[in-house]
């Protein structure tokens, strides 16, 4: 497993590649691909943006457990980085060329949060877009951009503003992401 840490003004972004072997990645991809997606999701909690939507599918903790996602491959190192936190929300996003994504944070009030982002597509070229862009808190500078690298896991502080760049017209398929948002457990 390859791991690097990027420090940005809003916190820390940990990037992991080669977490899962190909057979495990293939299993996750086919699980993600054949879900029932809805258009009632929003990329941001800001009231004026509620008309914006992403196709998504909620995922329960039981489904995560049945998928064996958190116990597969080399997830143990990543799991230690969310010790003392519980899953607040999880979902699968399906991104298309027509999505209207906005910069947002993944926060739950004053609770410290972390977001785990997994790129399940088996094949993806940089020309197809779908990057994840991380900004400073003033939304005046891009501080880090992650290409969509198949199999990549990103764990980042939920208060870092981020946005999905939609796939380009060259993308032959949908861009999927599997997301788990963690919040600090109350004492």
C-alpha atoms as a PDB file:
ATOM      1  CA  UNK A   1       0.000   0.000   0.000  1.00  0.00           C
ATOM      2  CA  UNK A   2       1.253   3.463  -0.881  1.00  0.00           C
ATOM      3  CA  UNK A   3       0.417   6.325   1.493  1.00  0.00           C
ATOM      4  CA  UNK A   4       1.056  10.040   1.400  1.00  0.00           C
ATOM      5  CA  UNK A   5      -0.203  12.892   3.540  1.00  0.00           C
ATOM      6  CA  UNK A   6      -0.996  16.355   2.214  1.00  0.00           C
ATOM      7  CA  UNK A   7      -1.401  19.176   4.734  1.00  0.00           C
ATOM      8  CA  UNK A   8      -3.726  21.965   3.667  1.00  0.00           C
ATOM      9  CA  UNK A   9      -4.929  25.006   5.600  1.00  0.00           C
ATOM     10  CA  UNK A  10      -8.115  23.221   6.715  1.00  0.00           C
ATOM     11  CA  UNK A  11      -6.458  20.025   7.912  1.00  0.00           C
ATOM     12  CA  UNK A  12      -4.966  16.829   6.610  1.00  0.00           C
ATOM     13  CA  UNK A  13      -5.628  14.695   3.536  1.00  0.00           C
ATOM     14  CA  UNK A  14      -4.319  11.107   3.556  1.00  0.00           C
ATOM     15  CA  UNK A  15      -4.133   9.360   0.174  1.00  0.00           C
ATOM     16  CA  UNK A  16      -3.817   5.577  -0.055  1.00  0.00           C
ATOM     17  CA  UNK A  17      -3.244   3.577  -3.232  1.00  0.00           C
ATOM     18  CA  UNK A  18      -3.125  -0.206  -3.663  1.00  0.00           C
ATOM     19  CA  UNK A  19      -5.258  -0.822  -0.570  1.00  0.00           C
ATOM     20  CA  UNK A  20      -7.171  -3.722  -2.166  1.00  0.00           C
ATOM     21  CA  UNK A  21      -6.166  -6.469  -4.553  1.00  0.00           C
ATOM     22  CA  UNK A  22      -7.831  -6.480  -7.967  1.00  0.00           C
ATOM     23  CA  UNK A  23     -10.349  -9.231  -7.133  1.00  0.00           C
ATOM     24  CA  UNK A  24     -11.593  -7.269  -4.106  1.00  0.00           C
ATOM     25  CA  UNK A  25     -11.764  -4.048  -6.127  1.00  0.00           C
ATOM     26  CA  UNK A  26     -13.764  -5.854  -8.816  1.00  0.00           C
ATOM     27  CA  UNK A  27     -16.203  -7.174  -6.209  1.00  0.00           C
ATOM     28  CA  UNK A  28     -16.752  -3.656  -4.794  1.00  0.00           C
ATOM     29  CA  UNK A  29     -17.165  -2.171  -8.264  1.00  0.00           C
ATOM     30  CA  UNK A  30     -19.924  -4.592  -9.233  1.00  0.00           C
ATOM     31  CA  UNK A  31     -21.629  -4.052  -5.894  1.00  0.00           C
ATOM     32  CA  UNK A  32     -21.584  -0.272  -6.441  1.00  0.00           C
ATOM     33  CA  UNK A  33     -22.585  -0.435 -10.092  1.00  0.00           C
ATOM     34  CA  UNK A  34     -25.814  -2.347  -9.566  1.00  0.00           C
ATOM     35  CA  UNK A  35     -27.409  -0.237  -6.827  1.00  0.00           C
ATOM     36  CA  UNK A  36     -30.609   1.763  -7.164  1.00  0.00           C
ATOM     37  CA  UNK A  37     -29.716   5.438  -7.339  1.00  0.00           C
ATOM     38  CA  UNK A  38     -31.985   8.367  -6.511  1.00  0.00           C
ATOM     39  CA  UNK A  39     -31.790  12.057  -7.422  1.00  0.00           C
ATOM     40  CA  UNK A  40     -32.896  13.370  -4.032  1.00  0.00           C
ATOM     41  CA  UNK A  41     -29.363  13.929  -2.720  1.00  0.00           C
ATOM     42  CA  UNK A  42     -27.610  17.262  -2.402  1.00  0.00           C
ATOM     43  CA  UNK A  43     -23.910  18.018  -2.514  1.00  0.00           C
ATOM     44  CA  UNK A  44     -24.255  20.742   0.089  1.00  0.00           C
ATOM     45  CA  UNK A  45     -26.436  21.551   3.071  1.00  0.00           C
ATOM     46  CA  UNK A  46     -26.814  25.225   2.056  1.00  0.00           C
ATOM     47  CA  UNK A  47     -30.512  25.938   1.637  1.00  0.00           C
ATOM     48  CA  UNK A  48     -30.219  27.899  -1.611  1.00  0.00           C
ATOM     49  CA  UNK A  49     -28.482  24.932  -3.265  1.00  0.00           C
ATOM     50  CA  UNK A  50     -31.109  22.306  -2.422  1.00  0.00           C
ATOM     51  CA  UNK A  51     -32.144  22.229  -6.111  1.00  0.00           C
ATOM     52  CA  UNK A  52     -28.736  20.865  -6.989  1.00  0.00           C
ATOM     53  CA  UNK A  53     -28.583  17.116  -6.992  1.00  0.00           C
ATOM     54  CA  UNK A  54     -26.345  14.137  -7.293  1.00  0.00           C
ATOM     55  CA  UNK A  55     -27.423  10.631  -7.983  1.00  0.00           C
ATOM     56  CA  UNK A  56     -26.667   8.625  -4.905  1.00  0.00           C
ATOM     57  CA  UNK A  57     -27.558   5.486  -2.988  1.00  0.00           C
ATOM     58  CA  UNK A  58     -27.569   5.434   0.825  1.00  0.00           C
ATOM     59  CA  UNK A  59     -25.533   2.597   2.350  1.00  0.00           C
ATOM     60  CA  UNK A  60     -26.258   1.284   5.838  1.00  0.00           C
ATOM     61  CA  UNK A  61     -23.659   0.137   8.365  1.00  0.00           C
ATOM     62  CA  UNK A  62     -25.056  -3.372   7.910  1.00  0.00           C
ATOM     63  CA  UNK A  63     -24.387  -3.204   4.159  1.00  0.00           C
ATOM     64  CA  UNK A  64     -20.842  -1.947   4.813  1.00  0.00           C
ATOM     65  CA  UNK A  65     -20.351  -4.862   7.187  1.00  0.00           C
ATOM     66  CA  UNK A  66     -21.796  -7.366   4.683  1.00  0.00           C
ATOM     67  CA  UNK A  67     -19.518  -5.983   1.964  1.00  0.00           C
ATOM     68  CA  UNK A  68     -16.608  -6.522   4.365  1.00  0.00           C
ATOM     69  CA  UNK A  69     -15.251  -3.197   3.080  1.00  0.00           C
ATOM     70  CA  UNK A  70     -13.673  -1.959   6.319  1.00  0.00           C
ATOM     71  CA  UNK A  71     -11.952  -5.295   6.973  1.00  0.00           C
ATOM     72  CA  UNK A  72     -10.673  -5.924   3.446  1.00  0.00           C
ATOM     73  CA  UNK A  73      -7.206  -5.429   2.078  1.00  0.00           C
ATOM     74  CA  UNK A  74      -5.022  -3.128   4.087  1.00  0.00           C
ATOM     75  CA  UNK A  75      -7.833  -1.087   5.667  1.00  0.00           C
ATOM     76  CA  UNK A  76      -6.518  -1.688   9.218  1.00  0.00           C
ATOM     77  CA  UNK A  77      -4.126   1.298   9.043  1.00  0.00           C
ATOM     78  CA  UNK A  78      -6.909   3.539   7.750  1.00  0.00           C
ATOM     79  CA  UNK A  79      -9.341   2.248  10.390  1.00  0.00           C
ATOM     80  CA  UNK A  80      -6.943   3.303  13.177  1.00  0.00           C
ATOM     81  CA  UNK A  81      -7.145   6.865  11.838  1.00  0.00           C
ATOM     82  CA  UNK A  82     -10.882   6.970  12.674  1.00  0.00           C
ATOM     83  CA  UNK A  83     -10.655   5.292  16.096  1.00  0.00           C
ATOM     84  CA  UNK A  84     -13.114   6.905  18.499  1.00  0.00           C
ATOM     85  CA  UNK A  85     -15.377   7.967  15.648  1.00  0.00           C
ATOM     86  CA  UNK A  86     -18.621   6.442  14.436  1.00  0.00           C
ATOM     87  CA  UNK A  87     -20.218   6.326  11.013  1.00  0.00           C
ATOM     88  CA  UNK A  88     -22.620   9.261  10.628  1.00  0.00           C
ATOM     89  CA  UNK A  89     -23.491   8.750   6.972  1.00  0.00           C
ATOM     90  CA  UNK A  90     -22.467   6.561   4.060  1.00  0.00           C
ATOM     91  CA  UNK A  91     -23.457   6.486   0.427  1.00  0.00           C
ATOM     92  CA  UNK A  92     -22.466   5.729  -3.128  1.00  0.00           C
ATOM     93  CA  UNK A  93     -22.329   8.705  -5.494  1.00  0.00           C
ATOM     94  CA  UNK A  94     -22.874   8.381  -9.222  1.00  0.00           C
ATOM     95  CA  UNK A  95     -21.459  11.382 -11.110  1.00  0.00           C
ATOM     96  CA  UNK A  96     -22.464  12.409 -14.611  1.00  0.00           C
ATOM     97  CA  UNK A  97     -21.492  15.159 -17.008  1.00  0.00           C
ATOM     98  CA  UNK A  98     -24.605  17.126 -16.021  1.00  0.00           C
ATOM     99  CA  UNK A  99     -24.027  17.229 -12.245  1.00  0.00           C
ATOM    100  CA  UNK A 100     -23.967  20.585 -10.503  1.00  0.00           C
ATOM    101  CA  UNK A 101     -21.407  20.137  -7.757  1.00  0.00           C
ATOM    102  CA  UNK A 102     -20.475  22.901  -5.335  1.00  0.00           C
ATOM    103  CA  UNK A 103     -17.716  23.291  -2.809  1.00  0.00           C
ATOM    104  CA  UNK A 104     -18.918  22.081   0.567  1.00  0.00           C
ATOM    105  CA  UNK A 105     -17.717  20.615   3.839  1.00  0.00           C
ATOM    106  CA  UNK A 106     -18.791  17.372   5.473  1.00  0.00           C
ATOM    107  CA  UNK A 107     -19.604  18.583   8.953  1.00  0.00           C
ATOM    108  CA  UNK A 108     -22.195  17.660  11.554  1.00  0.00           C
ATOM    109  CA  UNK A 109     -22.458  20.741  13.781  1.00  0.00           C
ATOM    110  CA  UNK A 110     -19.440  21.098  16.067  1.00  0.00           C
ATOM    111  CA  UNK A 111     -18.546  17.405  15.876  1.00  0.00           C
ATOM    112  CA  UNK A 112     -15.071  16.638  14.524  1.00  0.00           C
ATOM    113  CA  UNK A 113     -15.539  14.744  11.258  1.00  0.00           C
ATOM    114  CA  UNK A 114     -13.517  12.750   8.771  1.00  0.00           C
ATOM    115  CA  UNK A 115     -14.575  11.614   5.331  1.00  0.00           C
ATOM    116  CA  UNK A 116     -13.416   8.411   3.681  1.00  0.00           C
ATOM    117  CA  UNK A 117     -13.655   8.546  -0.099  1.00  0.00           C
ATOM    118  CA  UNK A 118     -13.091   5.429  -2.231  1.00  0.00           C
ATOM    119  CA  UNK A 119     -12.855   5.419  -6.039  1.00  0.00           C
ATOM    120  CA  UNK A 120     -14.359   2.048  -7.127  1.00  0.00           C
ATOM    121  CA  UNK A 121     -14.192   2.346 -10.935  1.00  0.00           C
ATOM    122  CA  UNK A 122     -11.817  -0.293 -12.297  1.00  0.00           C
ATOM    123  CA  UNK A 123     -10.586   1.892 -15.170  1.00  0.00           C
ATOM    124  CA  UNK A 124     -10.385   5.670 -15.320  1.00  0.00           C
ATOM    125  CA  UNK A 125      -8.187   7.976 -17.381  1.00  0.00           C
ATOM    126  CA  UNK A 126      -7.199  11.491 -16.261  1.00  0.00           C
ATOM    127  CA  UNK A 127      -8.739  12.972 -19.434  1.00  0.00           C
ATOM    128  CA  UNK A 128     -12.127  11.749 -18.218  1.00  0.00           C
ATOM    129  CA  UNK A 129     -12.214  14.314 -15.360  1.00  0.00           C
ATOM    130  CA  UNK A 130     -13.941  13.430 -12.111  1.00  0.00           C
ATOM    131  CA  UNK A 131     -11.203  14.876  -9.899  1.00  0.00           C
ATOM    132  CA  UNK A 132     -11.729  15.743  -6.260  1.00  0.00           C
ATOM    133  CA  UNK A 133     -10.698  19.333  -5.615  1.00  0.00           C
ATOM    134  CA  UNK A 134      -9.816  20.617  -2.138  1.00  0.00           C
ATOM    135  CA  UNK A 135      -9.901  24.359  -1.418  1.00  0.00           C
ATOM    136  CA  UNK A 136      -8.868  26.750   1.313  1.00  0.00           C
ATOM    137  CA  UNK A 137     -11.604  27.856   3.717  1.00  0.00           C
ATOM    138  CA  UNK A 138     -12.179  31.128   1.828  1.00  0.00           C
ATOM    139  CA  UNK A 139     -12.707  29.264  -1.476  1.00  0.00           C
ATOM    140  CA  UNK A 140     -10.065  31.491  -3.040  1.00  0.00           C
ATOM    141  CA  UNK A 141      -7.359  28.903  -3.807  1.00  0.00           C
ATOM    142  CA  UNK A 142      -7.249  25.254  -4.770  1.00  0.00           C
ATOM    143  CA  UNK A 143      -4.900  23.602  -2.303  1.00  0.00           C
ATOM    144  CA  UNK A 144      -4.918  20.028  -3.619  1.00  0.00           C
ATOM    145  CA  UNK A 145      -6.494  18.086  -6.451  1.00  0.00           C
ATOM    146  CA  UNK A 146      -6.727  14.309  -6.524  1.00  0.00           C
ATOM    147  CA  UNK A 147      -7.038  12.630  -9.879  1.00  0.00           C
ATOM    148  CA  UNK A 148      -9.618   9.862  -9.898  1.00  0.00           C
ATOM    149  CA  UNK A 149      -7.270   6.883  -9.467  1.00  0.00           C
ATOM    150  CA  UNK A 150      -9.118   3.544  -9.509  1.00  0.00           C
ATOM    151  CA  UNK A 151      -8.941   1.885  -6.094  1.00  0.00           C
ATOM    152  CA  UNK A 152      -7.695   5.013  -4.318  1.00  0.00           C
ATOM    153  CA  UNK A 153      -8.849   5.712  -0.760  1.00  0.00           C
ATOM    154  CA  UNK A 154      -8.728   9.275   0.567  1.00  0.00           C
ATOM    155  CA  UNK A 155      -9.322  10.123   4.226  1.00  0.00           C
ATOM    156  CA  UNK A 156      -9.642  13.809   5.018  1.00  0.00           C
ATOM    157  CA  UNK A 157     -10.821  16.219   7.688  1.00  0.00           C
ATOM    158  CA  UNK A 158     -14.486  16.964   7.023  1.00  0.00           C
ATOM    159  CA  UNK A 159     -14.058  20.710   7.470  1.00  0.00           C
ATOM    160  CA  UNK A 160     -11.903  20.973   4.318  1.00  0.00           C
ATOM    161  CA  UNK A 161     -13.998  22.457   1.482  1.00  0.00           C
ATOM    162  CA  UNK A 162     -14.059  20.086  -1.472  1.00  0.00           C
ATOM    163  CA  UNK A 163     -15.883  19.518  -4.726  1.00  0.00           C
ATOM    164  CA  UNK A 164     -16.176  16.841  -7.383  1.00  0.00           C
ATOM    165  CA  UNK A 165     -15.298  17.898 -10.906  1.00  0.00           C
ATOM    166  CA  UNK A 166     -17.823  16.186 -13.206  1.00  0.00           C
ATOM    167  CA  UNK A 167     -16.654  13.636 -15.752  1.00  0.00           C
ATOM    168  CA  UNK A 168     -15.859  14.992 -19.199  1.00  0.00           C
ATOM    169  CA  UNK A 169     -17.620  14.040 -22.433  1.00  0.00           C
ATOM    170  CA  UNK A 170     -14.780  11.572 -23.038  1.00  0.00           C
ATOM    171  CA  UNK A 171     -15.731   9.424 -20.036  1.00  0.00           C
ATOM    172  CA  UNK A 172     -17.330   6.216 -21.358  1.00  0.00           C
ATOM    173  CA  UNK A 173     -18.975   5.369 -18.041  1.00  0.00           C
ATOM    174  CA  UNK A 174     -20.255   6.895 -14.814  1.00  0.00           C
ATOM    175  CA  UNK A 175     -17.862   8.075 -12.115  1.00  0.00           C
ATOM    176  CA  UNK A 176     -18.649   6.278  -8.855  1.00  0.00           C
ATOM    177  CA  UNK A 177     -17.458   7.108  -5.369  1.00  0.00           C
ATOM    178  CA  UNK A 178     -18.092   5.317  -2.107  1.00  0.00           C
ATOM    179  CA  UNK A 179     -18.218   7.695   0.857  1.00  0.00           C
ATOM    180  CA  UNK A 180     -18.237   7.150   4.609  1.00  0.00           C
ATOM    181  CA  UNK A 181     -18.497  10.183   6.893  1.00  0.00           C
ATOM    182  CA  UNK A 182     -17.316   9.708  10.461  1.00  0.00           C
ATOM    183  CA  UNK A 183     -18.028  11.879  13.476  1.00  0.00           C
ATOM    184  CA  UNK A 184     -16.414  11.921  16.878  1.00  0.00           C
ATOM    185  CA  UNK A 185     -18.281   9.740  19.333  1.00  0.00           C
ATOM    186  CA  UNK A 186     -19.888  11.701  22.194  1.00  0.00           C
ATOM    187  CA  UNK A 187     -18.493  10.964  25.641  1.00  0.00           C
END
